Amino acid sequence: MLSNALELLYDVITRPQWAFYRITHTDARGEAVIVFILSTLITSLASVGLMPNALGAAFAVSLIGGILYLALGGALMHFCASLLGGVGTVQGLLQALPFALFPNALTALGVILNFLPAAVNAPLFDALTLVVTCWTIFLLVTALQKNYGISLGRAVCTLLFPFIGFLLLVTFLIVAFFWLFLANMPMWSGALEELGRF
């Protein structure tokens, strides 16, 4: 199973279209779990740094955060893809997401860059992060296309709609918080009542 997972990871790098078709249309649950745990472990090792005693806690936090992202992000992406006419399975999406998100673990290489001078460290880390982010977005869009059989534009919309919805929700909550905060202040309550009449 480990050799299959590593083979699929290699195929995701070299032939992503074919690899994601294979991942989403076959039973690759075990391989997806292996890749998810491997990326979580790499991220945890990098975040621990000089405190090796914190590895267990860092791994637990990364594991819980990753599971929440897969569950919530997968549900939102499946909902958006279904609204946009995609026909695919949740299982296919959940099998593809760990493979598509695996390049994020490569940002852990930024820990190695800490040994370089600061003048070189920051630009290299920024370049690494940019490349990894672009590659991850490409892999996510490819995974959505292959799982749901949708066009490039619909796959991009499927990926962006949950983030846009989240930003709108956060904006609404911030405005509502300040509105309620100002409404309870004596010097602003009269002004808000006047504003409410318009």
N, C-alpha and C. Protein backbone atom coordinates (compact mmCIF):
# COMPACT_ATOMS: atom_id res chain seq x y z
N MET A 1 0.82 -1.19 0.00
CA MET A 1 0.00 0.00 0.00
C MET A 1 0.87 1.26 0.00
N LEU A 2 1.98 1.22 0.78
CA LEU A 2 2.88 2.37 0.80
C LEU A 2 3.51 2.59 -0.57
N SER A 3 3.89 1.51 -1.23
CA SER A 3 4.49 1.66 -2.56
C SER A 3 3.47 2.22 -3.55
N ASN A 4 2.20 1.82 -3.43
CA ASN A 4 1.16 2.38 -4.30
C ASN A 4 0.97 3.87 -4.02
N ALA A 5 1.02 4.26 -2.74
CA ALA A 5 0.86 5.67 -2.39
C ALA A 5 2.01 6.49 -2.96
N LEU A 6 3.23 5.99 -2.84
CA LEU A 6 4.38 6.71 -3.38
C LEU A 6 4.35 6.76 -4.90
N GLU A 7 3.86 5.68 -5.52
CA GLU A 7 3.72 5.67 -6.97
C GLU A 7 2.68 6.70 -7.42
N LEU A 8 1.57 6.78 -6.70
CA LEU A 8 0.55 7.78 -7.04
C LEU A 8 1.07 9.19 -6.82
N LEU A 9 1.85 9.41 -5.75
CA LEU A 9 2.45 10.73 -5.53
C LEU A 9 3.37 11.10 -6.68
N TYR A 10 4.15 10.15 -7.15
CA TYR A 10 5.04 10.40 -8.29
C TYR A 10 4.21 10.74 -9.53
N ASP A 11 3.12 10.00 -9.73
CA ASP A 11 2.26 10.27 -10.89
C ASP A 11 1.58 11.64 -10.78
N VAL A 12 1.24 12.06 -9.56
CA VAL A 12 0.64 13.39 -9.38
C VAL A 12 1.63 14.46 -9.80
N ILE A 13 2.91 14.23 -9.56
CA ILE A 13 3.93 15.21 -9.96
C ILE A 13 4.18 15.17 -11.46
N THR A 14 4.27 13.97 -12.03
CA THR A 14 4.66 13.86 -13.43
C THR A 14 3.48 13.87 -14.40
N ARG A 15 2.37 13.24 -14.02
CA ARG A 15 1.19 13.15 -14.89
C ARG A 15 -0.08 13.41 -14.07
N PRO A 16 -0.30 14.65 -13.66
CA PRO A 16 -1.42 14.91 -12.74
C PRO A 16 -2.79 14.59 -13.31
N GLN A 17 -3.02 14.82 -14.60
CA GLN A 17 -4.34 14.54 -15.18
C GLN A 17 -4.68 13.06 -15.04
N TRP A 18 -3.76 12.22 -15.46
CA TRP A 18 -3.98 10.78 -15.40
C TRP A 18 -4.05 10.29 -13.96
N ALA A 19 -3.16 10.83 -13.11
CA ALA A 19 -3.10 10.38 -11.72
C ALA A 19 -4.40 10.69 -10.99
N PHE A 20 -4.94 11.89 -11.18
CA PHE A 20 -6.18 12.23 -10.47
C PHE A 20 -7.38 11.48 -11.04
N TYR A 21 -7.36 11.16 -12.31
CA TYR A 21 -8.43 10.31 -12.85
C TYR A 21 -8.38 8.94 -12.18
N ARG A 22 -7.17 8.41 -12.05
CA ARG A 22 -7.00 7.10 -11.41
C ARG A 22 -7.38 7.16 -9.93
N ILE A 23 -6.97 8.21 -9.23
CA ILE A 23 -7.25 8.33 -7.80
C ILE A 23 -8.75 8.46 -7.54
N THR A 24 -9.43 9.26 -8.36
CA THR A 24 -10.84 9.52 -8.11
C THR A 24 -11.76 8.42 -8.61
N HIS A 25 -11.30 7.58 -9.52
CA HIS A 25 -12.17 6.55 -10.08
C HIS A 25 -11.82 5.14 -9.64
N THR A 26 -10.90 4.99 -8.71
CA THR A 26 -10.59 3.69 -8.12
C THR A 26 -10.63 3.82 -6.61
N ASP A 27 -10.53 2.70 -5.93
CA ASP A 27 -10.52 2.73 -4.47
C ASP A 27 -9.10 2.96 -3.98
N ALA A 28 -8.80 4.21 -3.64
CA ALA A 28 -7.46 4.59 -3.17
C ALA A 28 -7.53 5.17 -1.77
N ARG A 29 -8.47 4.66 -0.96
CA ARG A 29 -8.62 5.21 0.40
C ARG A 29 -7.37 5.01 1.24
N GLY A 30 -6.80 3.81 1.20
CA GLY A 30 -5.61 3.54 2.00
C GLY A 30 -4.44 4.41 1.60
N GLU A 31 -4.25 4.57 0.31
CA GLU A 31 -3.16 5.42 -0.19
C GLU A 31 -3.38 6.88 0.22
N ALA A 32 -4.63 7.33 0.17
CA ALA A 32 -4.94 8.71 0.57
C ALA A 32 -4.64 8.93 2.05
N VAL A 33 -4.97 7.95 2.88
CA VAL A 33 -4.69 8.06 4.32
C VAL A 33 -3.19 8.10 4.56
N ILE A 34 -2.43 7.28 3.85
CA ILE A 34 -0.97 7.28 4.00
C ILE A 34 -0.38 8.63 3.61
N VAL A 35 -0.83 9.19 2.50
CA VAL A 35 -0.32 10.49 2.05
C VAL A 35 -0.72 11.59 3.03
N PHE A 36 -1.94 11.52 3.56
CA PHE A 36 -2.40 12.51 4.54
C PHE A 36 -1.53 12.45 5.80
N ILE A 37 -1.28 11.26 6.32
CA ILE A 37 -0.47 11.12 7.54
C ILE A 37 0.97 11.54 7.26
N LEU A 38 1.50 11.20 6.10
CA LEU A 38 2.86 11.59 5.74
C LEU A 38 3.01 13.11 5.67
N SER A 39 2.06 13.78 5.03
CA SER A 39 2.15 15.24 4.93
C SER A 39 1.95 15.89 6.30
N THR A 40 1.09 15.31 7.13
CA THR A 40 0.89 15.83 8.49
C THR A 40 2.16 15.67 9.31
N LEU A 41 2.82 14.54 9.17
CA LEU A 41 4.06 14.29 9.92
C LEU A 41 5.17 15.24 9.47
N ILE A 42 5.30 15.46 8.17
CA ILE A 42 6.33 16.37 7.66
C ILE A 42 6.08 17.79 8.17
N THR A 43 4.83 18.23 8.12
CA THR A 43 4.49 19.56 8.60
C THR A 43 4.76 19.68 10.10
N SER A 44 4.43 18.65 10.85
CA SER A 44 4.66 18.67 12.30
C SER A 44 6.14 18.73 12.63
N LEU A 45 6.94 17.94 11.93
CA LEU A 45 8.38 17.95 12.18
C LEU A 45 8.97 19.33 11.91
N ALA A 46 8.49 19.99 10.89
CA ALA A 46 9.02 21.32 10.56
C ALA A 46 8.57 22.36 11.58
N SER A 47 7.35 22.23 12.09
CA SER A 47 6.85 23.24 13.02
C SER A 47 7.44 23.09 14.41
N VAL A 48 7.95 21.92 14.74
CA VAL A 48 8.52 21.70 16.07
C VAL A 48 9.83 22.45 16.22
N GLY A 49 10.68 22.41 15.20
CA GLY A 49 11.94 23.14 15.24
C GLY A 49 12.88 22.62 16.32
N LEU A 50 13.21 23.47 17.26
CA LEU A 50 14.17 23.10 18.30
C LEU A 50 13.51 22.48 19.53
N MET A 51 12.22 22.24 19.50
CA MET A 51 11.52 21.65 20.65
C MET A 51 11.00 20.26 20.29
N PRO A 52 11.86 19.26 20.29
CA PRO A 52 11.42 17.92 19.88
C PRO A 52 10.38 17.31 20.81
N ASN A 53 10.29 17.80 22.04
CA ASN A 53 9.29 17.27 22.97
C ASN A 53 7.87 17.64 22.56
N ALA A 54 7.73 18.63 21.71
CA ALA A 54 6.41 19.09 21.29
C ALA A 54 5.92 18.38 20.03
N LEU A 55 6.63 17.36 19.56
CA LEU A 55 6.25 16.69 18.32
C LEU A 55 4.87 16.07 18.41
N GLY A 56 4.57 15.42 19.52
CA GLY A 56 3.26 14.78 19.67
C GLY A 56 2.13 15.80 19.61
N ALA A 57 2.30 16.91 20.31
CA ALA A 57 1.27 17.95 20.30
C ALA A 57 1.13 18.58 18.92
N ALA A 58 2.26 18.84 18.27
CA ALA A 58 2.21 19.44 16.93
C ALA A 58 1.55 18.50 15.94
N PHE A 59 1.85 17.20 16.06
CA PHE A 59 1.23 16.22 15.17
C PHE A 59 -0.27 16.14 15.41
N ALA A 60 -0.68 16.15 16.68
CA ALA A 60 -2.11 16.07 17.00
C ALA A 60 -2.86 17.29 16.47
N VAL A 61 -2.28 18.47 16.65
CA VAL A 61 -2.93 19.69 16.16
C VAL A 61 -3.01 19.68 14.64
N SER A 62 -1.92 19.28 13.98
CA SER A 62 -1.92 19.21 12.51
C SER A 62 -2.91 18.17 12.01
N LEU A 63 -3.00 17.04 12.70
CA LEU A 63 -3.91 15.98 12.30
C LEU A 63 -5.37 16.42 12.43
N ILE A 64 -5.70 17.04 13.55
CA ILE A 64 -7.08 17.51 13.76
C ILE A 64 -7.42 18.61 12.77
N GLY A 65 -6.50 19.56 12.56
CA GLY A 65 -6.74 20.62 11.59
C GLY A 65 -6.90 20.08 10.18
N GLY A 66 -6.09 19.11 9.82
CA GLY A 66 -6.19 18.50 8.49
C GLY A 66 -7.50 17.76 8.29
N ILE A 67 -7.93 17.03 9.32
CA ILE A 67 -9.20 16.31 9.22
C ILE A 67 -10.36 17.28 9.09
N LEU A 68 -10.32 18.37 9.88
CA LEU A 68 -11.38 19.38 9.77
C LEU A 68 -11.40 20.01 8.39
N TYR A 69 -10.20 20.31 7.84
CA TYR A 69 -10.16 20.90 6.50
C TYR A 69 -10.70 19.94 5.46
N LEU A 70 -10.30 18.67 5.56
CA LEU A 70 -10.80 17.69 4.59
C LEU A 70 -12.32 17.55 4.69
N ALA A 71 -12.84 17.52 5.92
CA ALA A 71 -14.28 17.34 6.09
C ALA A 71 -15.05 18.57 5.62
N LEU A 72 -14.70 19.74 6.17
CA LEU A 72 -15.45 20.96 5.82
C LEU A 72 -15.15 21.42 4.40
N GLY A 73 -13.88 21.46 4.04
CA GLY A 73 -13.52 21.88 2.68
C GLY A 73 -14.06 20.92 1.64
N GLY A 74 -13.97 19.63 1.93
CA GLY A 74 -14.50 18.64 1.00
C GLY A 74 -16.00 18.76 0.83
N ALA A 75 -16.71 18.99 1.94
CA ALA A 75 -18.17 19.14 1.86
C ALA A 75 -18.55 20.38 1.06
N LEU A 76 -17.86 21.49 1.31
CA LEU A 76 -18.17 22.72 0.58
C LEU A 76 -17.83 22.60 -0.91
N MET A 77 -16.68 21.98 -1.21
CA MET A 77 -16.31 21.81 -2.62
C MET A 77 -17.28 20.86 -3.33
N HIS A 78 -17.70 19.80 -2.64
CA HIS A 78 -18.66 18.88 -3.25
C HIS A 78 -19.99 19.58 -3.50
N PHE A 79 -20.43 20.39 -2.55
CA PHE A 79 -21.68 21.13 -2.71
C PHE A 79 -21.59 22.09 -3.89
N CYS A 80 -20.49 22.85 -3.97
CA CYS A 80 -20.32 23.81 -5.07
C CYS A 80 -20.21 23.10 -6.42
N ALA A 81 -19.47 22.00 -6.46
CA ALA A 81 -19.33 21.26 -7.72
C ALA A 81 -20.67 20.69 -8.16
N SER A 82 -21.47 20.22 -7.21
CA SER A 82 -22.79 19.70 -7.55
C SER A 82 -23.70 20.81 -8.08
N LEU A 83 -23.61 22.00 -7.47
CA LEU A 83 -24.41 23.13 -7.96
C LEU A 83 -24.00 23.54 -9.37
N LEU A 84 -22.73 23.38 -9.68
CA LEU A 84 -22.23 23.78 -11.00
C LEU A 84 -22.33 22.66 -12.03
N GLY A 85 -23.06 21.61 -11.71
CA GLY A 85 -23.32 20.56 -12.69
C GLY A 85 -22.33 19.41 -12.68
N GLY A 86 -21.50 19.34 -11.67
CA GLY A 86 -20.53 18.25 -11.60
C GLY A 86 -21.17 16.96 -11.12
N VAL A 87 -20.71 15.87 -11.68
CA VAL A 87 -21.19 14.55 -11.27
C VAL A 87 -19.98 13.76 -10.79
N GLY A 88 -19.84 13.67 -9.49
CA GLY A 88 -18.71 12.96 -8.91
C GLY A 88 -19.06 12.49 -7.52
N THR A 89 -18.13 11.81 -6.90
CA THR A 89 -18.40 11.26 -5.58
C THR A 89 -17.59 11.98 -4.51
N VAL A 90 -18.13 11.97 -3.30
CA VAL A 90 -17.40 12.53 -2.17
C VAL A 90 -16.16 11.69 -1.90
N GLN A 91 -16.29 10.38 -2.05
CA GLN A 91 -15.14 9.50 -1.83
C GLN A 91 -14.00 9.84 -2.78
N GLY A 92 -14.31 10.07 -4.04
CA GLY A 92 -13.28 10.44 -5.00
C GLY A 92 -12.60 11.74 -4.62
N LEU A 93 -13.39 12.71 -4.16
CA LEU A 93 -12.82 13.99 -3.75
C LEU A 93 -11.94 13.82 -2.52
N LEU A 94 -12.43 13.09 -1.52
CA LEU A 94 -11.65 12.90 -0.30
C LEU A 94 -10.39 12.07 -0.54
N GLN A 95 -10.40 11.23 -1.55
CA GLN A 95 -9.19 10.49 -1.92
C GLN A 95 -8.20 11.40 -2.63
N ALA A 96 -8.70 12.37 -3.39
CA ALA A 96 -7.82 13.24 -4.18
C ALA A 96 -7.24 14.39 -3.37
N LEU A 97 -7.97 14.88 -2.37
CA LEU A 97 -7.51 16.05 -1.62
C LEU A 97 -6.15 15.85 -0.95
N PRO A 98 -5.87 14.74 -0.27
CA PRO A 98 -4.52 14.61 0.33
C PRO A 98 -3.40 14.65 -0.71
N PHE A 99 -3.64 14.09 -1.88
CA PHE A 99 -2.62 14.13 -2.93
C PHE A 99 -2.45 15.55 -3.47
N ALA A 100 -3.57 16.27 -3.61
CA ALA A 100 -3.49 17.63 -4.14
C ALA A 100 -2.86 18.59 -3.13
N LEU A 101 -3.06 18.33 -1.85
CA LEU A 101 -2.54 19.22 -0.82
C LEU A 101 -1.14 18.83 -0.34
N PHE A 102 -0.62 17.72 -0.82
CA PHE A 102 0.70 17.27 -0.36
C PHE A 102 1.81 18.28 -0.61
N PRO A 103 1.83 19.04 -1.71
CA PRO A 103 2.91 20.03 -1.89
C PRO A 103 3.00 21.05 -0.76
N ASN A 104 1.90 21.28 -0.02
CA ASN A 104 1.98 22.20 1.12
C ASN A 104 3.00 21.73 2.14
N ALA A 105 3.20 20.43 2.23
CA ALA A 105 4.20 19.90 3.16
C ALA A 105 5.61 20.32 2.75
N LEU A 106 5.79 20.67 1.48
CA LEU A 106 7.12 21.08 1.02
C LEU A 106 7.52 22.44 1.58
N THR A 107 6.56 23.22 2.06
CA THR A 107 6.93 24.48 2.70
C THR A 107 7.70 24.22 3.98
N ALA A 108 7.65 22.98 4.45
CA ALA A 108 8.46 22.61 5.61
C ALA A 108 9.95 22.75 5.31
N LEU A 109 10.30 22.75 4.04
CA LEU A 109 11.70 22.96 3.67
C LEU A 109 12.17 24.35 4.06
N GLY A 110 11.23 25.23 4.36
CA GLY A 110 11.59 26.57 4.82
C GLY A 110 12.39 26.54 6.10
N VAL A 111 12.25 25.47 6.89
CA VAL A 111 13.04 25.33 8.11
C VAL A 111 14.52 25.22 7.76
N ILE A 112 14.83 24.54 6.67
CA ILE A 112 16.23 24.42 6.24
C ILE A 112 16.77 25.78 5.84
N LEU A 113 15.90 26.62 5.28
CA LEU A 113 16.34 27.95 4.85
C LEU A 113 16.73 28.84 6.02
N ASN A 114 16.30 28.49 7.23
CA ASN A 114 16.66 29.29 8.40
C ASN A 114 18.16 29.30 8.66
N PHE A 115 18.88 28.34 8.12
CA PHE A 115 20.33 28.29 8.32
C PHE A 115 21.07 29.21 7.36
N LEU A 116 20.36 29.79 6.41
CA LEU A 116 20.98 30.73 5.47
C LEU A 116 20.91 32.14 6.05
N PRO A 117 21.71 33.06 5.53
CA PRO A 117 21.62 34.45 5.98
C PRO A 117 20.23 35.04 5.71
N ALA A 118 19.83 35.98 6.53
CA ALA A 118 18.49 36.56 6.45
C ALA A 118 18.23 37.21 5.09
N ALA A 119 19.25 37.79 4.49
CA ALA A 119 19.07 38.45 3.19
C ALA A 119 18.70 37.46 2.10
N VAL A 120 19.10 36.21 2.26
CA VAL A 120 18.80 35.18 1.27
C VAL A 120 17.57 34.37 1.69
N ASN A 121 17.41 34.20 2.99
CA ASN A 121 16.34 33.37 3.54
C ASN A 121 14.96 33.84 3.12
N ALA A 122 14.66 35.11 3.33
CA ALA A 122 13.31 35.62 3.08
C ALA A 122 12.90 35.51 1.61
N PRO A 123 13.73 35.96 0.65
CA PRO A 123 13.30 35.82 -0.75
C PRO A 123 13.14 34.37 -1.20
N LEU A 124 14.03 33.48 -0.72
CA LEU A 124 13.91 32.07 -1.09
C LEU A 124 12.64 31.45 -0.51
N PHE A 125 12.34 31.78 0.74
CA PHE A 125 11.13 31.24 1.35
C PHE A 125 9.88 31.77 0.65
N ASP A 126 9.89 33.06 0.29
CA ASP A 126 8.75 33.62 -0.45
C ASP A 126 8.58 32.95 -1.80
N ALA A 127 9.68 32.71 -2.49
CA ALA A 127 9.61 32.04 -3.80
C ALA A 127 9.11 30.61 -3.64
N LEU A 128 9.61 29.91 -2.63
CA LEU A 128 9.16 28.54 -2.37
C LEU A 128 7.66 28.51 -2.07
N THR A 129 7.20 29.42 -1.24
CA THR A 129 5.78 29.47 -0.89
C THR A 129 4.92 29.78 -2.11
N LEU A 130 5.37 30.70 -2.96
CA LEU A 130 4.61 31.04 -4.16
C LEU A 130 4.51 29.84 -5.11
N VAL A 131 5.62 29.16 -5.33
CA VAL A 131 5.61 28.00 -6.23
C VAL A 131 4.72 26.90 -5.67
N VAL A 132 4.84 26.62 -4.38
CA VAL A 132 4.04 25.55 -3.76
C VAL A 132 2.56 25.91 -3.80
N THR A 133 2.22 27.15 -3.54
CA THR A 133 0.81 27.57 -3.56
C THR A 133 0.23 27.45 -4.97
N CYS A 134 0.95 27.91 -5.96
CA CYS A 134 0.46 27.80 -7.35
C CYS A 134 0.31 26.34 -7.76
N TRP A 135 1.28 25.50 -7.39
CA TRP A 135 1.21 24.08 -7.75
C TRP A 135 0.03 23.41 -7.03
N THR A 136 -0.20 23.76 -5.78
CA THR A 136 -1.32 23.19 -5.03
C THR A 136 -2.65 23.59 -5.65
N ILE A 137 -2.79 24.85 -6.03
CA ILE A 137 -4.03 25.29 -6.67
C ILE A 137 -4.25 24.55 -7.98
N PHE A 138 -3.18 24.39 -8.77
CA PHE A 138 -3.29 23.63 -10.02
C PHE A 138 -3.74 22.20 -9.75
N LEU A 139 -3.16 21.56 -8.74
CA LEU A 139 -3.54 20.18 -8.42
C LEU A 139 -4.97 20.09 -7.91
N LEU A 140 -5.41 21.06 -7.11
CA LEU A 140 -6.79 21.06 -6.63
C LEU A 140 -7.78 21.20 -7.78
N VAL A 141 -7.48 22.11 -8.70
CA VAL A 141 -8.36 22.30 -9.86
C VAL A 141 -8.39 21.04 -10.72
N THR A 142 -7.23 20.42 -10.92
CA THR A 142 -7.18 19.18 -11.70
C THR A 142 -7.97 18.07 -11.02
N ALA A 143 -7.84 17.96 -9.70
CA ALA A 143 -8.59 16.93 -8.97
C ALA A 143 -10.09 17.15 -9.09
N LEU A 144 -10.53 18.40 -9.01
CA LEU A 144 -11.96 18.70 -9.15
C LEU A 144 -12.44 18.39 -10.56
N GLN A 145 -11.63 18.73 -11.56
CA GLN A 145 -12.01 18.43 -12.95
C GLN A 145 -12.17 16.93 -13.17
N LYS A 146 -11.23 16.15 -12.68
CA LYS A 146 -11.26 14.71 -12.93
C LYS A 146 -12.33 14.01 -12.11
N ASN A 147 -12.60 14.48 -10.91
CA ASN A 147 -13.61 13.81 -10.08
C ASN A 147 -15.02 14.13 -10.56
N TYR A 148 -15.26 15.38 -10.93
CA TYR A 148 -16.62 15.79 -11.26
C TYR A 148 -16.88 15.90 -12.75
N GLY A 149 -15.86 15.78 -13.58
CA GLY A 149 -16.06 15.89 -15.02
C GLY A 149 -16.52 17.27 -15.45
N ILE A 150 -15.95 18.31 -14.83
CA ILE A 150 -16.36 19.68 -15.13
C ILE A 150 -15.22 20.40 -15.85
N SER A 151 -15.57 21.55 -16.42
CA SER A 151 -14.59 22.34 -17.17
C SER A 151 -13.63 23.05 -16.22
N LEU A 152 -12.61 23.65 -16.79
CA LEU A 152 -11.62 24.38 -16.01
C LEU A 152 -12.26 25.53 -15.25
N GLY A 153 -13.11 26.30 -15.92
CA GLY A 153 -13.77 27.44 -15.28
C GLY A 153 -14.65 27.02 -14.11
N ARG A 154 -15.40 25.94 -14.29
CA ARG A 154 -16.26 25.46 -13.20
C ARG A 154 -15.43 24.91 -12.05
N ALA A 155 -14.31 24.29 -12.36
CA ALA A 155 -13.44 23.78 -11.29
C ALA A 155 -12.84 24.93 -10.49
N VAL A 156 -12.45 26.01 -11.17
CA VAL A 156 -11.91 27.18 -10.47
C VAL A 156 -13.00 27.81 -9.60
N CYS A 157 -14.22 27.92 -10.14
CA CYS A 157 -15.33 28.46 -9.35
C CYS A 157 -15.63 27.58 -8.15
N THR A 158 -15.57 26.27 -8.33
CA THR A 158 -15.80 25.34 -7.23
C THR A 158 -14.78 25.55 -6.13
N LEU A 159 -13.56 25.84 -6.50
CA LEU A 159 -12.50 26.06 -5.53
C LEU A 159 -12.63 27.43 -4.85
N LEU A 160 -13.08 28.44 -5.61
CA LEU A 160 -13.12 29.80 -5.07
C LEU A 160 -14.38 30.12 -4.28
N PHE A 161 -15.52 29.55 -4.65
CA PHE A 161 -16.78 29.90 -3.99
C PHE A 161 -16.76 29.71 -2.47
N PRO A 162 -16.23 28.62 -1.94
CA PRO A 162 -16.19 28.50 -0.47
C PRO A 162 -15.36 29.59 0.19
N PHE A 163 -14.23 29.99 -0.43
CA PHE A 163 -13.40 31.04 0.14
C PHE A 163 -14.10 32.39 0.07
N ILE A 164 -14.77 32.66 -1.04
CA ILE A 164 -15.51 33.92 -1.17
C ILE A 164 -16.65 33.95 -0.15
N GLY A 165 -17.35 32.85 0.00
CA GLY A 165 -18.42 32.77 1.00
C GLY A 165 -17.90 32.97 2.40
N PHE A 166 -16.74 32.39 2.70
CA PHE A 166 -16.14 32.56 4.02
C PHE A 166 -15.76 34.02 4.26
N LEU A 167 -15.17 34.68 3.25
CA LEU A 167 -14.80 36.09 3.40
C LEU A 167 -16.03 36.97 3.60
N LEU A 168 -17.11 36.68 2.86
CA LEU A 168 -18.34 37.45 3.05
C LEU A 168 -18.92 37.23 4.44
N LEU A 169 -18.86 36.01 4.94
CA LEU A 169 -19.36 35.72 6.28
C LEU A 169 -18.55 36.46 7.34
N VAL A 170 -17.23 36.45 7.21
CA VAL A 170 -16.38 37.15 8.17
C VAL A 170 -16.64 38.65 8.11
N THR A 171 -16.78 39.21 6.90
CA THR A 171 -17.08 40.63 6.76
C THR A 171 -18.41 40.98 7.41
N PHE A 172 -19.42 40.16 7.18
CA PHE A 172 -20.73 40.39 7.80
C PHE A 172 -20.63 40.35 9.33
N LEU A 173 -19.90 39.37 9.86
CA LEU A 173 -19.77 39.26 11.32
C LEU A 173 -19.02 40.44 11.92
N ILE A 174 -18.00 40.94 11.23
CA ILE A 174 -17.27 42.11 11.73
C ILE A 174 -18.16 43.34 11.73
N VAL A 175 -18.90 43.55 10.64
CA VAL A 175 -19.81 44.70 10.57
C VAL A 175 -20.88 44.58 11.65
N ALA A 176 -21.45 43.39 11.82
CA ALA A 176 -22.49 43.20 12.83
C ALA A 176 -21.93 43.43 14.23
N PHE A 177 -20.70 42.97 14.49
CA PHE A 177 -20.09 43.17 15.80
C PHE A 177 -19.92 44.66 16.10
N PHE A 178 -19.37 45.41 15.14
CA PHE A 178 -19.17 46.84 15.37
C PHE A 178 -20.49 47.58 15.47
N TRP A 179 -21.48 47.17 14.70
CA TRP A 179 -22.79 47.80 14.78
C TRP A 179 -23.39 47.60 16.17
N LEU A 180 -23.32 46.38 16.68
CA LEU A 180 -23.84 46.11 18.03
C LEU A 180 -23.01 46.81 19.09
N PHE A 181 -21.71 46.87 18.90
CA PHE A 181 -20.84 47.55 19.85
C PHE A 181 -21.17 49.03 19.91
N LEU A 182 -21.32 49.66 18.75
CA LEU A 182 -21.63 51.09 18.72
C LEU A 182 -23.04 51.37 19.20
N ALA A 183 -23.97 50.46 18.97
CA ALA A 183 -25.35 50.67 19.40
C ALA A 183 -25.46 50.69 20.92
N ASN A 184 -24.56 50.04 21.62
CA ASN A 184 -24.60 50.01 23.08
C ASN A 184 -23.82 51.14 23.72
N MET A 185 -23.15 51.96 22.93
CA MET A 185 -22.43 53.11 23.48
C MET A 185 -23.39 54.30 23.49
N PRO A 186 -23.49 54.99 24.63
CA PRO A 186 -24.46 56.09 24.74
C PRO A 186 -24.28 57.19 23.69
N MET A 187 -23.07 57.57 23.38
CA MET A 187 -22.89 58.69 22.45
C MET A 187 -23.18 58.29 21.01
N TRP A 188 -23.19 57.00 20.68
CA TRP A 188 -23.44 56.56 19.31
C TRP A 188 -24.87 56.06 19.10
N SER A 189 -25.58 55.72 20.15
CA SER A 189 -26.89 55.10 19.98
C SER A 189 -27.87 56.03 19.26
N GLY A 190 -27.84 57.32 19.58
CA GLY A 190 -28.73 58.26 18.90
C GLY A 190 -28.38 58.41 17.43
N ALA A 191 -27.10 58.43 17.13
CA ALA A 191 -26.67 58.56 15.73
C ALA A 191 -27.07 57.32 14.93
N LEU A 192 -26.97 56.15 15.53
CA LEU A 192 -27.36 54.93 14.83
C LEU A 192 -28.87 54.86 14.61
N GLU A 193 -29.64 55.40 15.57
CA GLU A 193 -31.10 55.44 15.38
C GLU A 193 -31.45 56.36 14.22
N GLU A 194 -30.76 57.50 14.13
CA GLU A 194 -30.99 58.42 13.02
C GLU A 194 -30.59 57.76 11.69
N LEU A 195 -29.50 57.02 11.71
CA LEU A 195 -29.05 56.33 10.51
C LEU A 195 -30.04 55.25 10.11
N GLY A 196 -30.64 54.59 11.10
CA GLY A 196 -31.60 53.53 10.83
C GLY A 196 -32.89 54.05 10.21
N ARG A 197 -33.21 55.32 10.37
CA ARG A 197 -34.44 55.89 9.80
C ARG A 197 -34.33 56.06 8.29
N PHE A 198 -33.10 56.14 7.79
CA PHE A 198 -32.93 56.32 6.34
C PHE A 198 -33.10 55.00 5.72
